[in-house]
């Protein structure tokens, strides 16, 4: 597995949009360690995109660029909505 810098990752979870902050950071803190390697890599990749892009994906306005990120967003939405 590729080494993940947890400090950097947590910092990147902090977003400029409150809606994203309320979804991404809690998901990271509560569920990231339970993800498999592919899902963790998709999460890291997802954080490299801009807030407007992430927001459109999370709100299901447009599809995410990869199937892995799409599946991750579905999982995030399911975990946060509970």
N, C-alpha and C. Protein backbone atom coordinates (compact mmCIF):
# COMPACT_ATOMS: atom_id res chain seq x y z
N UNK A 1 0.83 -1.19 0.00
CA UNK A 1 0.00 0.00 0.00
C UNK A 1 0.87 1.25 0.00
N UNK A 2 0.45 2.23 -0.72
CA UNK A 2 1.13 3.51 -0.74
C UNK A 2 0.98 4.18 0.62
N UNK A 3 2.07 4.71 1.14
CA UNK A 3 2.05 5.37 2.45
C UNK A 3 1.22 6.65 2.36
N UNK A 4 0.33 6.83 3.31
CA UNK A 4 -0.53 8.01 3.35
C UNK A 4 -0.10 8.88 4.51
N UNK A 5 0.17 10.14 4.22
CA UNK A 5 0.52 11.11 5.25
C UNK A 5 -0.77 11.57 5.92
N UNK A 6 -1.04 11.05 7.11
CA UNK A 6 -2.31 11.33 7.79
C UNK A 6 -2.48 12.80 8.15
N UNK A 7 -1.41 13.46 8.53
CA UNK A 7 -1.51 14.88 8.88
C UNK A 7 -1.92 15.68 7.65
N UNK A 8 -1.27 15.43 6.53
CA UNK A 8 -1.59 16.13 5.28
C UNK A 8 -3.00 15.81 4.83
N UNK A 9 -3.38 14.56 4.95
CA UNK A 9 -4.71 14.14 4.53
C UNK A 9 -5.79 14.83 5.36
N UNK A 10 -5.59 14.87 6.66
CA UNK A 10 -6.58 15.55 7.51
C UNK A 10 -6.68 17.03 7.17
N UNK A 11 -5.55 17.64 6.88
CA UNK A 11 -5.56 19.05 6.49
C UNK A 11 -6.34 19.25 5.19
N UNK A 12 -6.16 18.34 4.23
CA UNK A 12 -6.85 18.44 2.95
C UNK A 12 -8.35 18.16 3.07
N UNK A 13 -8.76 17.50 4.13
CA UNK A 13 -10.18 17.26 4.36
C UNK A 13 -10.91 18.55 4.72
N UNK A 14 -10.18 19.51 5.22
CA UNK A 14 -10.78 20.81 5.54
C UNK A 14 -11.02 21.55 4.25
N UNK A 15 -12.27 21.87 3.98
CA UNK A 15 -12.63 22.49 2.72
C UNK A 15 -13.14 23.90 2.97
N UNK A 16 -13.29 24.66 1.90
CA UNK A 16 -13.78 26.02 2.00
C UNK A 16 -15.29 26.11 2.05
N UNK A 17 -15.96 25.02 1.69
CA UNK A 17 -17.43 25.01 1.70
C UNK A 17 -17.92 24.25 2.93
N UNK A 18 -18.78 24.87 3.68
CA UNK A 18 -19.30 24.26 4.91
C UNK A 18 -19.98 22.92 4.62
N UNK A 19 -20.72 22.83 3.52
CA UNK A 19 -21.43 21.60 3.17
C UNK A 19 -20.45 20.43 3.02
N UNK A 20 -19.29 20.71 2.40
CA UNK A 20 -18.29 19.67 2.22
C UNK A 20 -17.60 19.35 3.54
N UNK A 21 -17.34 20.36 4.35
CA UNK A 21 -16.72 20.13 5.67
C UNK A 21 -17.58 19.20 6.52
N UNK A 22 -18.88 19.36 6.44
CA UNK A 22 -19.78 18.55 7.26
C UNK A 22 -19.89 17.12 6.75
N UNK A 23 -19.40 16.86 5.55
CA UNK A 23 -19.46 15.51 5.02
C UNK A 23 -18.08 14.84 5.01
N UNK A 24 -17.08 15.54 4.53
CA UNK A 24 -15.78 14.93 4.30
C UNK A 24 -15.02 14.66 5.61
N UNK A 25 -14.92 15.64 6.48
CA UNK A 25 -14.15 15.45 7.71
C UNK A 25 -14.74 14.37 8.62
N UNK A 26 -16.06 14.39 8.87
CA UNK A 26 -16.60 13.30 9.71
C UNK A 26 -16.41 11.92 9.07
N UNK A 27 -16.55 11.85 7.76
CA UNK A 27 -16.34 10.56 7.09
C UNK A 27 -14.89 10.12 7.27
N UNK A 28 -13.96 11.04 7.09
CA UNK A 28 -12.55 10.71 7.27
C UNK A 28 -12.28 10.21 8.70
N UNK A 29 -12.75 10.94 9.68
CA UNK A 29 -12.46 10.59 11.07
C UNK A 29 -13.13 9.28 11.50
N UNK A 30 -14.33 9.01 10.98
CA UNK A 30 -15.09 7.86 11.46
C UNK A 30 -15.00 6.61 10.59
N UNK A 31 -14.61 6.77 9.32
CA UNK A 31 -14.71 5.62 8.42
C UNK A 31 -13.47 5.35 7.56
N UNK A 32 -12.53 6.27 7.49
CA UNK A 32 -11.40 6.10 6.58
C UNK A 32 -10.63 4.81 6.86
N UNK A 33 -10.39 4.50 8.12
CA UNK A 33 -9.61 3.32 8.47
C UNK A 33 -10.32 2.01 8.09
N UNK A 34 -11.62 2.06 7.89
CA UNK A 34 -12.38 0.87 7.51
C UNK A 34 -12.40 0.64 6.00
N UNK A 35 -11.91 1.62 5.23
CA UNK A 35 -11.91 1.50 3.77
C UNK A 35 -10.81 0.55 3.31
N UNK A 36 -11.04 -0.10 2.18
CA UNK A 36 -9.96 -0.91 1.61
C UNK A 36 -8.97 0.01 0.90
N UNK A 37 -7.88 -0.53 0.43
CA UNK A 37 -6.82 0.28 -0.17
C UNK A 37 -7.32 1.07 -1.38
N UNK A 38 -8.11 0.45 -2.23
CA UNK A 38 -8.64 1.14 -3.41
C UNK A 38 -9.51 2.32 -3.00
N UNK A 39 -10.35 2.12 -2.00
CA UNK A 39 -11.21 3.20 -1.53
C UNK A 39 -10.40 4.32 -0.89
N UNK A 40 -9.37 3.96 -0.13
CA UNK A 40 -8.52 4.99 0.48
C UNK A 40 -7.82 5.82 -0.60
N UNK A 41 -7.32 5.15 -1.63
CA UNK A 41 -6.65 5.87 -2.70
C UNK A 41 -7.64 6.77 -3.45
N UNK A 42 -8.87 6.32 -3.64
CA UNK A 42 -9.89 7.14 -4.28
C UNK A 42 -10.20 8.37 -3.42
N UNK A 43 -10.22 8.19 -2.10
CA UNK A 43 -10.46 9.31 -1.18
C UNK A 43 -9.35 10.35 -1.31
N UNK A 44 -8.11 9.88 -1.31
CA UNK A 44 -6.96 10.79 -1.46
C UNK A 44 -7.04 11.51 -2.81
N UNK A 45 -7.34 10.78 -3.87
CA UNK A 45 -7.46 11.39 -5.20
C UNK A 45 -8.59 12.41 -5.22
N UNK A 46 -9.72 12.08 -4.61
CA UNK A 46 -10.88 12.97 -4.58
C UNK A 46 -10.53 14.32 -3.96
N UNK A 47 -9.72 14.30 -2.92
CA UNK A 47 -9.37 15.55 -2.23
C UNK A 47 -8.54 16.49 -3.09
N UNK A 48 -7.98 16.00 -4.18
CA UNK A 48 -7.20 16.84 -5.08
C UNK A 48 -8.03 17.71 -6.00
N UNK A 49 -9.33 17.49 -5.99
CA UNK A 49 -10.23 18.28 -6.84
C UNK A 49 -10.71 19.51 -6.10
N UNK A 50 -11.26 20.45 -6.85
CA UNK A 50 -11.73 21.70 -6.26
C UNK A 50 -13.04 21.51 -5.52
N UNK A 51 -13.35 22.44 -4.63
CA UNK A 51 -14.61 22.40 -3.89
C UNK A 51 -15.83 22.41 -4.81
N UNK A 52 -15.87 23.28 -5.83
CA UNK A 52 -17.05 23.25 -6.70
C UNK A 52 -17.24 21.90 -7.40
N UNK A 53 -16.15 21.27 -7.80
CA UNK A 53 -16.27 19.94 -8.42
C UNK A 53 -16.81 18.93 -7.41
N UNK A 54 -16.21 18.91 -6.22
CA UNK A 54 -16.66 17.98 -5.18
C UNK A 54 -18.13 18.20 -4.83
N UNK A 55 -18.51 19.44 -4.71
CA UNK A 55 -19.88 19.77 -4.36
C UNK A 55 -20.86 19.22 -5.41
N UNK A 56 -20.55 19.41 -6.68
CA UNK A 56 -21.43 18.91 -7.74
C UNK A 56 -21.55 17.39 -7.69
N UNK A 57 -20.45 16.71 -7.37
CA UNK A 57 -20.50 15.24 -7.28
C UNK A 57 -21.31 14.80 -6.08
N UNK A 58 -21.07 15.43 -4.94
CA UNK A 58 -21.75 15.05 -3.70
C UNK A 58 -23.25 15.32 -3.81
N UNK A 59 -23.62 16.38 -4.50
CA UNK A 59 -25.03 16.72 -4.68
C UNK A 59 -25.65 16.00 -5.87
N UNK A 60 -24.87 15.12 -6.48
CA UNK A 60 -25.32 14.30 -7.61
C UNK A 60 -25.77 15.14 -8.80
N UNK A 61 -25.15 16.30 -8.96
CA UNK A 61 -25.45 17.15 -10.10
C UNK A 61 -24.74 16.67 -11.36
N UNK A 62 -23.53 16.16 -11.19
CA UNK A 62 -22.76 15.57 -12.29
C UNK A 62 -22.03 14.35 -11.74
N UNK A 63 -21.72 13.40 -12.61
CA UNK A 63 -21.00 12.21 -12.13
C UNK A 63 -19.53 12.53 -11.83
N UNK A 64 -18.98 11.81 -10.89
CA UNK A 64 -17.55 11.94 -10.57
C UNK A 64 -16.74 11.41 -11.75
N UNK A 65 -15.46 11.78 -11.83
CA UNK A 65 -14.66 11.42 -13.00
C UNK A 65 -14.26 9.95 -13.10
N UNK A 66 -14.31 9.21 -11.99
CA UNK A 66 -13.92 7.80 -12.04
C UNK A 66 -14.97 6.98 -11.30
N UNK A 67 -15.09 5.71 -11.66
CA UNK A 67 -16.02 4.84 -10.93
C UNK A 67 -15.65 4.71 -9.45
N UNK A 68 -14.36 4.71 -9.14
CA UNK A 68 -13.91 4.58 -7.75
C UNK A 68 -14.36 5.77 -6.91
N UNK A 69 -14.23 6.97 -7.46
CA UNK A 69 -14.67 8.16 -6.72
C UNK A 69 -16.19 8.17 -6.61
N UNK A 70 -16.89 7.76 -7.66
CA UNK A 70 -18.36 7.69 -7.61
C UNK A 70 -18.82 6.75 -6.51
N UNK A 71 -18.21 5.58 -6.42
CA UNK A 71 -18.56 4.61 -5.38
C UNK A 71 -18.26 5.16 -3.99
N UNK A 72 -17.14 5.85 -3.87
CA UNK A 72 -16.76 6.44 -2.59
C UNK A 72 -17.78 7.50 -2.17
N UNK A 73 -18.21 8.32 -3.09
CA UNK A 73 -19.19 9.36 -2.78
C UNK A 73 -20.52 8.73 -2.36
N UNK A 74 -20.92 7.67 -3.03
CA UNK A 74 -22.14 6.95 -2.63
C UNK A 74 -21.99 6.44 -1.20
N UNK A 75 -20.83 5.88 -0.89
CA UNK A 75 -20.58 5.37 0.46
C UNK A 75 -20.59 6.51 1.48
N UNK A 76 -19.95 7.62 1.15
CA UNK A 76 -19.94 8.77 2.06
C UNK A 76 -21.36 9.25 2.33
N UNK A 77 -22.16 9.39 1.28
CA UNK A 77 -23.53 9.85 1.44
C UNK A 77 -24.32 8.89 2.32
N UNK A 78 -24.12 7.59 2.14
CA UNK A 78 -24.84 6.59 2.93
C UNK A 78 -24.44 6.68 4.41
N UNK A 79 -23.15 6.82 4.67
CA UNK A 79 -22.65 6.85 6.06
C UNK A 79 -23.07 8.13 6.77
N UNK A 80 -23.06 9.25 6.07
CA UNK A 80 -23.37 10.54 6.69
C UNK A 80 -24.88 10.68 6.91
N UNK A 81 -25.68 10.12 6.02
CA UNK A 81 -27.13 10.26 6.13
C UNK A 81 -27.72 9.44 7.27
N UNK A 82 -26.97 8.51 7.79
CA UNK A 82 -27.48 7.67 8.89
C UNK A 82 -27.59 8.43 10.17
